[in-house]
Amino acid sequence: MPPELNIYGLYVPGFFGLMLAAYITSLVVRHVASQTGFYALVWHRAAFDLAVYAIILGIFFSLTRMLVAP
């Protein structure tokens, strides 16, 4: 787990930064998917978007653990 972030005296969990980065990345993926017509192949768009967000967040979390681990 990444350490806390100090933003002007307010301590925010490091996981919040990962969540924000995953959300921004998923926005890019959603935009590309809608522009290419990929959503025509998807049965339930909201469930697909949630799954993509969870996968991206898991990847970011795993990469952070590999980089921060002693």
PDB file of N, CA and C in Angstrom:
ATOM      1  N   MET A   1       0.842  -1.170   0.000  1.00  0.00           N
ATOM      2  CA  MET A   1       0.000   0.000   0.000  1.00  0.00           C
ATOM      3  C   MET A   1       0.891   1.239   0.000  1.00  0.00           C
ATOM      4  N   PRO A   2       0.634   2.177  -0.881  1.00  0.00           N
ATOM      5  CA  PRO A   2       1.429   3.398  -0.883  1.00  0.00           C
ATOM      6  C   PRO A   2       1.177   4.209   0.394  1.00  0.00           C
ATOM      7  N   PRO A   3       2.173   4.967   0.831  1.00  0.00           N
ATOM      8  CA  PRO A   3       1.992   5.750   2.057  1.00  0.00           C
ATOM      9  C   PRO A   3       0.999   6.888   1.844  1.00  0.00           C
ATOM     10  N   GLU A   4       0.685   7.574   2.953  1.00  0.00           N
ATOM     11  CA  GLU A   4      -0.248   8.693   2.859  1.00  0.00           C
ATOM     12  C   GLU A   4       0.370   9.855   2.100  1.00  0.00           C
ATOM     13  N   LEU A   5      -0.490  10.622   1.464  1.00  0.00           N
ATOM     14  CA  LEU A   5      -0.066  11.818   0.752  1.00  0.00           C
ATOM     15  C   LEU A   5      -0.429  13.032   1.602  1.00  0.00           C
ATOM     16  N   ASN A   6       0.513  13.936   1.779  1.00  0.00           N
ATOM     17  CA  ASN A   6       0.260  15.148   2.534  1.00  0.00           C
ATOM     18  C   ASN A   6      -0.036  16.277   1.557  1.00  0.00           C
ATOM     19  N   ILE A   7      -1.304  16.683   1.497  1.00  0.00           N
ATOM     20  CA  ILE A   7      -1.717  17.745   0.591  1.00  0.00           C
ATOM     21  C   ILE A   7      -2.103  18.941   1.455  1.00  0.00           C
ATOM     22  N   TYR A   8      -1.172  19.864   1.608  1.00  0.00           N
ATOM     23  CA  TYR A   8      -1.379  21.080   2.407  1.00  0.00           C
ATOM     24  C   TYR A   8      -1.886  20.762   3.808  1.00  0.00           C
ATOM     25  N   GLY A   9      -1.278  19.809   4.464  1.00  0.00           N
ATOM     26  CA  GLY A   9      -1.635  19.453   5.828  1.00  0.00           C
ATOM     27  C   GLY A   9      -2.757  18.447   5.945  1.00  0.00           C
ATOM     28  N   LEU A  10      -3.369  18.076   4.854  1.00  0.00           N
ATOM     29  CA  LEU A  10      -4.441  17.085   4.865  1.00  0.00           C
ATOM     30  C   LEU A  10      -3.862  15.755   4.404  1.00  0.00           C
ATOM     31  N   TYR A  11      -3.922  14.763   5.273  1.00  0.00           N
ATOM     32  CA  TYR A  11      -3.390  13.454   4.935  1.00  0.00           C
ATOM     33  C   TYR A  11      -4.455  12.638   4.207  1.00  0.00           C
ATOM     34  N   VAL A  12      -4.103  12.228   3.005  1.00  0.00           N
ATOM     35  CA  VAL A  12      -5.001  11.449   2.154  1.00  0.00           C
ATOM     36  C   VAL A  12      -4.355  10.080   1.945  1.00  0.00           C
ATOM     37  N   PRO A  13      -5.133   9.001   2.058  1.00  0.00           N
ATOM     38  CA  PRO A  13      -4.558   7.676   1.816  1.00  0.00           C
ATOM     39  C   PRO A  13      -3.947   7.574   0.424  1.00  0.00           C
ATOM     40  N   GLY A  14      -2.838   6.875   0.318  1.00  0.00           N
ATOM     41  CA  GLY A  14      -2.173   6.715  -0.967  1.00  0.00           C
ATOM     42  C   GLY A  14      -3.017   5.969  -1.978  1.00  0.00           C
ATOM     43  N   PHE A  15      -3.936   5.149  -1.488  1.00  0.00           N
ATOM     44  CA  PHE A  15      -4.813   4.406  -2.384  1.00  0.00           C
ATOM     45  C   PHE A  15      -5.721   5.351  -3.171  1.00  0.00           C
ATOM     46  N   PHE A  16      -6.023   6.520  -2.588  1.00  0.00           N
ATOM     47  CA  PHE A  16      -6.840   7.511  -3.294  1.00  0.00           C
ATOM     48  C   PHE A  16      -6.151   7.978  -4.567  1.00  0.00           C
ATOM     49  N   GLY A  17      -4.838   8.148  -4.509  1.00  0.00           N
ATOM     50  CA  GLY A  17      -4.088   8.531  -5.708  1.00  0.00           C
ATOM     51  C   GLY A  17      -4.163   7.462  -6.778  1.00  0.00           C
ATOM     52  N   LEU A  18      -4.094   6.202  -6.355  1.00  0.00           N
ATOM     53  CA  LEU A  18      -4.225   5.103  -7.319  1.00  0.00           C
ATOM     54  C   LEU A  18      -5.625   5.074  -7.929  1.00  0.00           C
ATOM     55  N   MET A  19      -6.638   5.322  -7.097  1.00  0.00           N
ATOM     56  CA  MET A  19      -8.006   5.344  -7.601  1.00  0.00           C
ATOM     57  C   MET A  19      -8.206   6.468  -8.611  1.00  0.00           C
ATOM     58  N   LEU A  20      -7.632   7.618  -8.328  1.00  0.00           N
ATOM     59  CA  LEU A  20      -7.754   8.752  -9.240  1.00  0.00           C
ATOM     60  C   LEU A  20      -7.045   8.473 -10.567  1.00  0.00           C
ATOM     61  N   ALA A  21      -5.846   7.895 -10.491  1.00  0.00           N
ATOM     62  CA  ALA A  21      -5.109   7.560 -11.712  1.00  0.00           C
ATOM     63  C   ALA A  21      -5.853   6.498 -12.528  1.00  0.00           C
ATOM     64  N   ALA A  22      -6.438   5.516 -11.851  1.00  0.00           N
ATOM     65  CA  ALA A  22      -7.201   4.480 -12.560  1.00  0.00           C
ATOM     66  C   ALA A  22      -8.450   5.064 -13.194  1.00  0.00           C
ATOM     67  N   TYR A  23      -9.079   6.020 -12.523  1.00  0.00           N
ATOM     68  CA  TYR A  23     -10.281   6.647 -13.092  1.00  0.00           C
ATOM     69  C   TYR A  23      -9.937   7.435 -14.353  1.00  0.00           C
ATOM     70  N   ILE A  24      -8.859   8.189 -14.302  1.00  0.00           N
ATOM     71  CA  ILE A  24      -8.455   8.975 -15.475  1.00  0.00           C
ATOM     72  C   ILE A  24      -8.086   8.047 -16.629  1.00  0.00           C
ATOM     73  N   THR A  25      -7.375   6.970 -16.323  1.00  0.00           N
ATOM     74  CA  THR A  25      -7.016   5.999 -17.361  1.00  0.00           C
ATOM     75  C   THR A  25      -8.255   5.326 -17.944  1.00  0.00           C
ATOM     76  N   SER A  26      -9.234   5.005 -17.080  1.00  0.00           N
ATOM     77  CA  SER A  26     -10.452   4.374 -17.584  1.00  0.00           C
ATOM     78  C   SER A  26     -11.269   5.343 -18.437  1.00  0.00           C
ATOM     79  N   LEU A  27     -11.202   6.645 -18.133  1.00  0.00           N
ATOM     80  CA  LEU A  27     -11.869   7.625 -19.000  1.00  0.00           C
ATOM     81  C   LEU A  27     -11.277   7.604 -20.405  1.00  0.00           C
ATOM     82  N   VAL A  28      -9.960   7.488 -20.478  1.00  0.00           N
ATOM     83  CA  VAL A  28      -9.301   7.419 -21.785  1.00  0.00           C
ATOM     84  C   VAL A  28      -9.709   6.141 -22.521  1.00  0.00           C
ATOM     85  N   VAL A  29      -9.742   5.026 -21.793  1.00  0.00           N
ATOM     86  CA  VAL A  29     -10.135   3.754 -22.406  1.00  0.00           C
ATOM     87  C   VAL A  29     -11.580   3.824 -22.884  1.00  0.00           C
ATOM     88  N   ARG A  30     -12.474   4.430 -22.085  1.00  0.00           N
ATOM     89  CA  ARG A  30     -13.876   4.561 -22.485  1.00  0.00           C
ATOM     90  C   ARG A  30     -14.020   5.434 -23.723  1.00  0.00           C
ATOM     91  N   HIS A  31     -13.251   6.492 -23.790  1.00  0.00           N
ATOM     92  CA  HIS A  31     -13.317   7.370 -24.968  1.00  0.00           C
ATOM     93  C   HIS A  31     -12.854   6.631 -26.227  1.00  0.00           C
ATOM     94  N   VAL A  32     -11.768   5.905 -26.109  1.00  0.00           N
ATOM     95  CA  VAL A  32     -11.264   5.143 -27.262  1.00  0.00           C
ATOM     96  C   VAL A  32     -12.269   4.070 -27.672  1.00  0.00           C
ATOM     97  N   ALA A  33     -12.869   3.393 -26.691  1.00  0.00           N
ATOM     98  CA  ALA A  33     -13.844   2.345 -27.002  1.00  0.00           C
ATOM     99  C   ALA A  33     -15.074   2.914 -27.687  1.00  0.00           C
ATOM    100  N   SER A  34     -15.506   4.088 -27.278  1.00  0.00           N
ATOM    101  CA  SER A  34     -16.691   4.667 -27.919  1.00  0.00           C
ATOM    102  C   SER A  34     -16.378   5.203 -29.314  1.00  0.00           C
ATOM    103  N   GLN A  35     -15.174   5.707 -29.508  1.00  0.00           N
ATOM    104  CA  GLN A  35     -14.808   6.229 -30.822  1.00  0.00           C
ATOM    105  C   GLN A  35     -14.592   5.121 -31.848  1.00  0.00           C
ATOM    106  N   THR A  36     -14.120   3.973 -31.403  1.00  0.00           N
ATOM    107  CA  THR A  36     -13.864   2.868 -32.322  1.00  0.00           C
ATOM    108  C   THR A  36     -15.089   1.985 -32.562  1.00  0.00           C
ATOM    109  N   GLY A  37     -16.169   2.204 -31.803  1.00  0.00           N
ATOM    110  CA  GLY A  37     -17.357   1.382 -31.966  1.00  0.00           C
ATOM    111  C   GLY A  37     -17.285   0.065 -31.223  1.00  0.00           C
ATOM    112  N   PHE A  38     -16.381  -0.057 -30.281  1.00  0.00           N
ATOM    113  CA  PHE A  38     -16.226  -1.305 -29.533  1.00  0.00           C
ATOM    114  C   PHE A  38     -17.450  -1.603 -28.671  1.00  0.00           C
ATOM    115  N   TYR A  39     -18.137  -0.555 -28.215  1.00  0.00           N
ATOM    116  CA  TYR A  39     -19.296  -0.760 -27.334  1.00  0.00           C
ATOM    117  C   TYR A  39     -20.445  -1.477 -28.041  1.00  0.00           C
ATOM    118  N   ALA A  40     -20.407  -1.571 -29.349  1.00  0.00           N
ATOM    119  CA  ALA A  40     -21.438  -2.325 -30.061  1.00  0.00           C
ATOM    120  C   ALA A  40     -21.326  -3.819 -29.751  1.00  0.00           C
ATOM    121  N   LEU A  41     -20.142  -4.264 -29.326  1.00  0.00           N
ATOM    122  CA  LEU A  41     -19.917  -5.674 -28.990  1.00  0.00           C
ATOM    123  C   LEU A  41     -20.179  -5.985 -27.521  1.00  0.00           C
ATOM    124  N   VAL A  42     -20.407  -4.950 -26.725  1.00  0.00           N
ATOM    125  CA  VAL A  42     -20.559  -5.118 -25.277  1.00  0.00           C
ATOM    126  C   VAL A  42     -22.040  -5.200 -24.937  1.00  0.00           C
ATOM    127  N   TRP A  43     -22.396  -6.179 -24.089  1.00  0.00           N
ATOM    128  CA  TRP A  43     -23.785  -6.378 -23.741  1.00  0.00           C
ATOM    129  C   TRP A  43     -24.267  -5.337 -22.732  1.00  0.00           C
ATOM    130  N   HIS A  44     -23.492  -5.104 -21.663  1.00  0.00           N
ATOM    131  CA  HIS A  44     -23.889  -4.178 -20.596  1.00  0.00           C
ATOM    132  C   HIS A  44     -22.751  -3.186 -20.388  1.00  0.00           C
ATOM    133  N   ARG A  45     -22.933  -1.983 -20.913  1.00  0.00           N
ATOM    134  CA  ARG A  45     -21.850  -1.003 -20.940  1.00  0.00           C
ATOM    135  C   ARG A  45     -21.391  -0.594 -19.541  1.00  0.00           C
ATOM    136  N   ALA A  46     -22.300  -0.377 -18.613  1.00  0.00           N
ATOM    137  CA  ALA A  46     -21.931   0.054 -17.261  1.00  0.00           C
ATOM    138  C   ALA A  46     -21.123  -1.028 -16.534  1.00  0.00           C
ATOM    139  N   ALA A  47     -21.535  -2.266 -16.671  1.00  0.00           N
ATOM    140  CA  ALA A  47     -20.793  -3.362 -16.031  1.00  0.00           C
ATOM    141  C   ALA A  47     -19.407  -3.510 -16.662  1.00  0.00           C
ATOM    142  N   PHE A  48     -19.335  -3.338 -17.959  1.00  0.00           N
ATOM    143  CA  PHE A  48     -18.045  -3.412 -18.645  1.00  0.00           C
ATOM    144  C   PHE A  48     -17.121  -2.293 -18.181  1.00  0.00           C
ATOM    145  N   ASP A  49     -17.645  -1.067 -18.063  1.00  0.00           N
ATOM    146  CA  ASP A  49     -16.832   0.061 -17.608  1.00  0.00           C
ATOM    147  C   ASP A  49     -16.337  -0.145 -16.182  1.00  0.00           C
ATOM    148  N   LEU A  50     -17.198  -0.675 -15.314  1.00  0.00           N
ATOM    149  CA  LEU A  50     -16.790  -0.962 -13.943  1.00  0.00           C
ATOM    150  C   LEU A  50     -15.700  -2.023 -13.903  1.00  0.00           C
ATOM    151  N   ALA A  51     -15.837  -3.053 -14.732  1.00  0.00           N
ATOM    152  CA  ALA A  51     -14.830  -4.108 -14.773  1.00  0.00           C
ATOM    153  C   ALA A  51     -13.493  -3.581 -15.288  1.00  0.00           C
ATOM    154  N   VAL A  52     -13.528  -2.727 -16.297  1.00  0.00           N
ATOM    155  CA  VAL A  52     -12.293  -2.136 -16.818  1.00  0.00           C
ATOM    156  C   VAL A  52     -11.619  -1.286 -15.748  1.00  0.00           C
ATOM    157  N   TYR A  53     -12.414  -0.497 -15.003  1.00  0.00           N
ATOM    158  CA  TYR A  53     -11.864   0.318 -13.917  1.00  0.00           C
ATOM    159  C   TYR A  53     -11.211  -0.565 -12.849  1.00  0.00           C
ATOM    160  N   ALA A  54     -11.878  -1.644 -12.473  1.00  0.00           N
ATOM    161  CA  ALA A  54     -11.336  -2.539 -11.447  1.00  0.00           C
ATOM    162  C   ALA A  54     -10.048  -3.204 -11.923  1.00  0.00           C
ATOM    163  N   ILE A  55      -9.991  -3.582 -13.179  1.00  0.00           N
ATOM    164  CA  ILE A  55      -8.779  -4.207 -13.722  1.00  0.00           C
ATOM    165  C   ILE A  55      -7.633  -3.208 -13.740  1.00  0.00           C
ATOM    166  N   ILE A  56      -7.894  -1.983 -14.163  1.00  0.00           N
ATOM    167  CA  ILE A  56      -6.844  -0.959 -14.207  1.00  0.00           C
ATOM    168  C   ILE A  56      -6.367  -0.633 -12.794  1.00  0.00           C
ATOM    169  N   LEU A  57      -7.298  -0.520 -11.841  1.00  0.00           N
ATOM    170  CA  LEU A  57      -6.919  -0.250 -10.451  1.00  0.00           C
ATOM    171  C   LEU A  57      -6.077  -1.399  -9.892  1.00  0.00           C
ATOM    172  N   GLY A  58      -6.427  -2.623 -10.205  1.00  0.00           N
ATOM    173  CA  GLY A  58      -5.636  -3.767  -9.761  1.00  0.00           C
ATOM    174  C   GLY A  58      -4.235  -3.771 -10.346  1.00  0.00           C
ATOM    175  N   ILE A  59      -4.125  -3.398 -11.611  1.00  0.00           N
ATOM    176  CA  ILE A  59      -2.807  -3.322 -12.246  1.00  0.00           C
ATOM    177  C   ILE A  59      -1.958  -2.252 -11.580  1.00  0.00           C
ATOM    178  N   PHE A  60      -2.549  -1.060 -11.354  1.00  0.00           N
ATOM    179  CA  PHE A  60      -1.804   0.019 -10.703  1.00  0.00           C
ATOM    180  C   PHE A  60      -1.378  -0.382  -9.293  1.00  0.00           C
ATOM    181  N   PHE A  61      -2.277  -1.030  -8.548  1.00  0.00           N
ATOM    182  CA  PHE A  61      -1.956  -1.455  -7.190  1.00  0.00           C
ATOM    183  C   PHE A  61      -0.828  -2.482  -7.195  1.00  0.00           C
ATOM    184  N   SER A  62      -0.868  -3.430  -8.117  1.00  0.00           N
ATOM    185  CA  SER A  62       0.176  -4.457  -8.194  1.00  0.00           C
ATOM    186  C   SER A  62       1.525  -3.838  -8.574  1.00  0.00           C
ATOM    187  N   LEU A  63       1.499  -2.900  -9.519  1.00  0.00           N
ATOM    188  CA  LEU A  63       2.743  -2.238  -9.895  1.00  0.00           C
ATOM    189  C   LEU A  63       3.329  -1.426  -8.740  1.00  0.00           C
ATOM    190  N   THR A  64       2.452  -0.771  -7.985  1.00  0.00           N
ATOM    191  CA  THR A  64       2.916   0.007  -6.835  1.00  0.00           C
ATOM    192  C   THR A  64       3.521  -0.900  -5.782  1.00  0.00           C
ATOM    193  N   ARG A  65       2.886  -2.023  -5.511  1.00  0.00           N
ATOM    194  CA  ARG A  65       3.427  -2.958  -4.515  1.00  0.00           C
ATOM    195  C   ARG A  65       4.774  -3.513  -4.947  1.00  0.00           C
ATOM    196  N   MET A  66       4.948  -3.765  -6.258  1.00  0.00           N
ATOM    197  CA  MET A  66       6.228  -4.282  -6.732  1.00  0.00           C
ATOM    198  C   MET A  66       7.322  -3.222  -6.630  1.00  0.00           C
ATOM    199  N   LEU A  67       6.984  -1.964  -6.865  1.00  0.00           N
ATOM    200  CA  LEU A  67       7.972  -0.895  -6.839  1.00  0.00           C
ATOM    201  C   LEU A  67       8.306  -0.429  -5.433  1.00  0.00           C
ATOM    202  N   VAL A  68       7.344  -0.489  -4.499  1.00  0.00           N
ATOM    203  CA  VAL A  68       7.543   0.029  -3.152  1.00  0.00           C
ATOM    204  C   VAL A  68       8.073  -1.063  -2.216  1.00  0.00           C
ATOM    205  N   ALA A  69       7.793  -2.309  -2.498  1.00  0.00           N
ATOM    206  CA  ALA A  69       8.187  -3.406  -1.605  1.00  0.00           C
ATOM    207  C   ALA A  69       9.699  -3.437  -1.409  1.00  0.00           C
ATOM    208  N   PRO A  70      10.116  -3.735  -0.173  1.00  0.00           N
ATOM    209  CA  PRO A  70      11.564  -3.761   0.114  1.00  0.00           C
ATOM    210  C   PRO A  70      12.301  -4.914  -0.508  1.00  0.00           C
TER     211      PRO A  70
END
